[in-house]
Amino acid sequence: MNIKKLLQGKWFRFFSNIYVLVLTVFVVWMLFFDANSWLTHRELNKEIKKLEKQKSHLQQEIEKDKKMIKMLKNEEGLEKFGREEYYLKKKNEEIYLIEDEDSLKNKRNE
């Protein structure tokens, strides 16, 4: 292909237009090099999504804790919690711990 034909070509004239060149440089700058670039926004959006998931998880944990606090405010709930978690007992009472076979196998494997 001849250089003259290339210089007179439709695409060469289009891309050699000063407005197209400036617009191309501007778009490339805004997408990759600017402080508010598309890459930065993409990373920040990923972090926002991660934090929103964490927020919803923590809100569920808060609701669970509120239910636990409400349960522990009455005498029966407090007694049940103490018996289940800390193996507390009343006087003259014995506690028998019953474990499943699966839990025994897991303890041996560890």
C-alpha atoms as a PDB file:
ATOM      1  CA  MET A   1       0.000   0.000   0.000  1.00  0.00           C
ATOM      2  CA  ASN A   2       1.253   3.421  -0.922  1.00  0.00           C
ATOM      3  CA  ILE A   3       1.863   6.086   1.751  1.00  0.00           C
ATOM      4  CA  LYS A   4      -0.175   8.638  -0.209  1.00  0.00           C
ATOM      5  CA  LYS A   5      -3.173   6.317  -0.295  1.00  0.00           C
ATOM      6  CA  LEU A   6      -2.793   5.665   3.405  1.00  0.00           C
ATOM      7  CA  LEU A   7      -2.637   9.395   4.205  1.00  0.00           C
ATOM      8  CA  GLN A   8      -5.713  10.055   2.075  1.00  0.00           C
ATOM      9  CA  GLY A   9      -7.665   7.200   3.583  1.00  0.00           C
ATOM     10  CA  LYS A  10     -10.946   7.814   5.361  1.00  0.00           C
ATOM     11  CA  TRP A  11      -9.826   6.354   8.717  1.00  0.00           C
ATOM     12  CA  PHE A  12      -6.513   8.167   8.783  1.00  0.00           C
ATOM     13  CA  ARG A  13      -8.235  11.485   8.232  1.00  0.00           C
ATOM     14  CA  PHE A  14     -10.750  10.692  10.953  1.00  0.00           C
ATOM     15  CA  PHE A  15      -8.119   9.760  13.576  1.00  0.00           C
ATOM     16  CA  SER A  16      -5.807  12.607  12.629  1.00  0.00           C
ATOM     17  CA  ASN A  17      -8.561  15.126  13.385  1.00  0.00           C
ATOM     18  CA  ILE A  18      -7.476  17.268  16.364  1.00  0.00           C
ATOM     19  CA  TYR A  19     -10.824  16.865  18.129  1.00  0.00           C
ATOM     20  CA  VAL A  20     -10.695  13.090  17.895  1.00  0.00           C
ATOM     21  CA  LEU A  21      -7.125  13.069  19.189  1.00  0.00           C
ATOM     22  CA  VAL A  22      -7.959  15.303  22.152  1.00  0.00           C
ATOM     23  CA  LEU A  23     -11.072  13.311  22.947  1.00  0.00           C
ATOM     24  CA  THR A  24      -9.130  10.029  22.804  1.00  0.00           C
ATOM     25  CA  VAL A  25      -6.404  11.350  25.105  1.00  0.00           C
ATOM     26  CA  PHE A  26      -9.051  12.682  27.502  1.00  0.00           C
ATOM     27  CA  VAL A  27     -10.932   9.364  27.617  1.00  0.00           C
ATOM     28  CA  VAL A  28      -7.740   7.361  28.174  1.00  0.00           C
ATOM     29  CA  TRP A  29      -6.662   9.766  30.919  1.00  0.00           C
ATOM     30  CA  MET A  30     -10.033   9.592  32.690  1.00  0.00           C
ATOM     31  CA  LEU A  31     -10.233   5.793  32.470  1.00  0.00           C
ATOM     32  CA  PHE A  32      -6.753   4.907  33.684  1.00  0.00           C
ATOM     33  CA  PHE A  33      -4.629   7.762  35.032  1.00  0.00           C
ATOM     34  CA  ASP A  34      -6.872  10.220  36.864  1.00  0.00           C
ATOM     35  CA  ALA A  35      -7.400  10.083  40.647  1.00  0.00           C
ATOM     36  CA  ASN A  36     -11.099   9.457  39.956  1.00  0.00           C
ATOM     37  CA  SER A  37     -10.422   6.873  37.279  1.00  0.00           C
ATOM     38  CA  TRP A  38     -12.663   4.000  36.324  1.00  0.00           C
ATOM     39  CA  LEU A  39     -10.224   1.528  37.882  1.00  0.00           C
ATOM     40  CA  THR A  40     -10.350   3.334  41.216  1.00  0.00           C
ATOM     41  CA  HIS A  41     -14.140   3.436  41.143  1.00  0.00           C
ATOM     42  CA  ARG A  42     -14.281  -0.271  40.357  1.00  0.00           C
ATOM     43  CA  GLU A  43     -12.073  -1.122  43.354  1.00  0.00           C
ATOM     44  CA  LEU A  44     -14.091   1.153  45.632  1.00  0.00           C
ATOM     45  CA  ASN A  45     -17.365  -0.408  44.460  1.00  0.00           C
ATOM     46  CA  LYS A  46     -15.987  -3.873  45.265  1.00  0.00           C
ATOM     47  CA  GLU A  47     -15.038  -2.683  48.740  1.00  0.00           C
ATOM     48  CA  ILE A  48     -18.491  -1.136  49.228  1.00  0.00           C
ATOM     49  CA  LYS A  49     -20.164  -4.440  48.336  1.00  0.00           C
ATOM     50  CA  LYS A  50     -17.883  -6.304  50.731  1.00  0.00           C
ATOM     51  CA  LEU A  51     -18.657  -3.853  53.538  1.00  0.00           C
ATOM     52  CA  GLU A  52     -22.405  -4.067  52.864  1.00  0.00           C
ATOM     53  CA  LYS A  53     -22.251  -7.860  53.180  1.00  0.00           C
ATOM     54  CA  GLN A  54     -20.314  -7.487  56.414  1.00  0.00           C
ATOM     55  CA  LYS A  55     -22.869  -4.943  57.657  1.00  0.00           C
ATOM     56  CA  SER A  56     -25.800  -7.273  56.982  1.00  0.00           C
ATOM     57  CA  HIS A  57     -23.982 -10.143  58.706  1.00  0.00           C
ATOM     58  CA  LEU A  58     -23.270  -7.985  61.747  1.00  0.00           C
ATOM     59  CA  GLN A  59     -26.880  -6.788  61.861  1.00  0.00           C
ATOM     60  CA  GLN A  60     -28.008 -10.421  61.950  1.00  0.00           C
ATOM     61  CA  GLU A  61     -25.573 -11.055  64.791  1.00  0.00           C
ATOM     62  CA  ILE A  62     -26.943  -8.023  66.649  1.00  0.00           C
ATOM     63  CA  GLU A  63     -30.494  -9.342  66.279  1.00  0.00           C
ATOM     64  CA  LYS A  64     -29.383 -12.742  67.555  1.00  0.00           C
ATOM     65  CA  ASP A  65     -27.656 -11.106  70.539  1.00  0.00           C
ATOM     66  CA  LYS A  66     -30.751  -9.011  71.297  1.00  0.00           C
ATOM     67  CA  LYS A  67     -32.838 -12.183  71.410  1.00  0.00           C
ATOM     68  CA  MET A  68     -30.265 -13.766  73.710  1.00  0.00           C
ATOM     69  CA  ILE A  69     -30.307 -10.738  76.033  1.00  0.00           C
ATOM     70  CA  LYS A  70     -34.106 -10.809  76.094  1.00  0.00           C
ATOM     71  CA  MET A  71     -34.017 -14.524  76.947  1.00  0.00           C
ATOM     72  CA  LEU A  72     -31.454 -13.969  79.723  1.00  0.00           C
ATOM     73  CA  LYS A  73     -33.561 -11.303  81.424  1.00  0.00           C
ATOM     74  CA  ASN A  74     -35.956 -13.857  82.874  1.00  0.00           C
ATOM     75  CA  GLU A  75     -35.029 -16.503  85.436  1.00  0.00           C
ATOM     76  CA  GLU A  76     -35.868 -19.549  83.311  1.00  0.00           C
ATOM     77  CA  GLY A  77     -33.797 -18.395  80.347  1.00  0.00           C
ATOM     78  CA  LEU A  78     -30.839 -17.595  82.552  1.00  0.00           C
ATOM     79  CA  GLU A  79     -31.003 -21.014  84.202  1.00  0.00           C
ATOM     80  CA  LYS A  80     -31.265 -22.772  80.828  1.00  0.00           C
ATOM     81  CA  PHE A  81     -28.290 -20.850  79.462  1.00  0.00           C
ATOM     82  CA  GLY A  82     -26.170 -21.640  82.536  1.00  0.00           C
ATOM     83  CA  ARG A  83     -27.020 -25.336  82.344  1.00  0.00           C
ATOM     84  CA  GLU A  84     -26.314 -25.624  78.599  1.00  0.00           C
ATOM     85  CA  GLU A  85     -23.204 -23.497  78.279  1.00  0.00           C
ATOM     86  CA  TYR A  86     -21.458 -23.799  81.631  1.00  0.00           C
ATOM     87  CA  TYR A  87     -22.848 -27.134  82.868  1.00  0.00           C
ATOM     88  CA  LEU A  88     -24.105 -25.545  86.064  1.00  0.00           C
ATOM     89  CA  LYS A  89     -26.304 -27.602  88.373  1.00  0.00           C
ATOM     90  CA  LYS A  90     -28.457 -27.301  91.430  1.00  0.00           C
ATOM     91  CA  LYS A  91     -27.489 -28.821  94.765  1.00  0.00           C
ATOM     92  CA  ASN A  92     -27.884 -32.589  94.968  1.00  0.00           C
ATOM     93  CA  GLU A  93     -28.169 -32.853  91.204  1.00  0.00           C
ATOM     94  CA  GLU A  94     -25.964 -34.796  88.800  1.00  0.00           C
ATOM     95  CA  ILE A  95     -25.195 -33.980  85.178  1.00  0.00           C
ATOM     96  CA  TYR A  96     -24.638 -36.594  82.503  1.00  0.00           C
ATOM     97  CA  LEU A  97     -23.078 -35.475  79.238  1.00  0.00           C
ATOM     98  CA  ILE A  98     -24.264 -37.497  76.264  1.00  0.00           C
ATOM     99  CA  GLU A  99     -22.202 -37.238  73.105  1.00  0.00           C
ATOM    100  CA  ASP A 100     -23.027 -38.550  69.651  1.00  0.00           C
ATOM    101  CA  GLU A 101     -20.791 -41.115  68.002  1.00  0.00           C
ATOM    102  CA  ASP A 102     -19.944 -38.642  65.257  1.00  0.00           C
ATOM    103  CA  SER A 103     -18.562 -36.125  67.733  1.00  0.00           C
ATOM    104  CA  LEU A 104     -16.421 -38.830  69.355  1.00  0.00           C
ATOM    105  CA  LYS A 105     -14.978 -39.826  65.975  1.00  0.00           C
ATOM    106  CA  ASN A 106     -14.146 -36.211  65.182  1.00  0.00           C
ATOM    107  CA  LYS A 107     -12.350 -35.761  68.505  1.00  0.00           C
ATOM    108  CA  ARG A 108     -10.202 -38.834  67.863  1.00  0.00           C
ATOM    109  CA  ASN A 109      -9.281 -37.615  64.375  1.00  0.00           C
ATOM    110  CA  GLU A 110      -8.142 -34.214  65.633  1.00  0.00           C
END
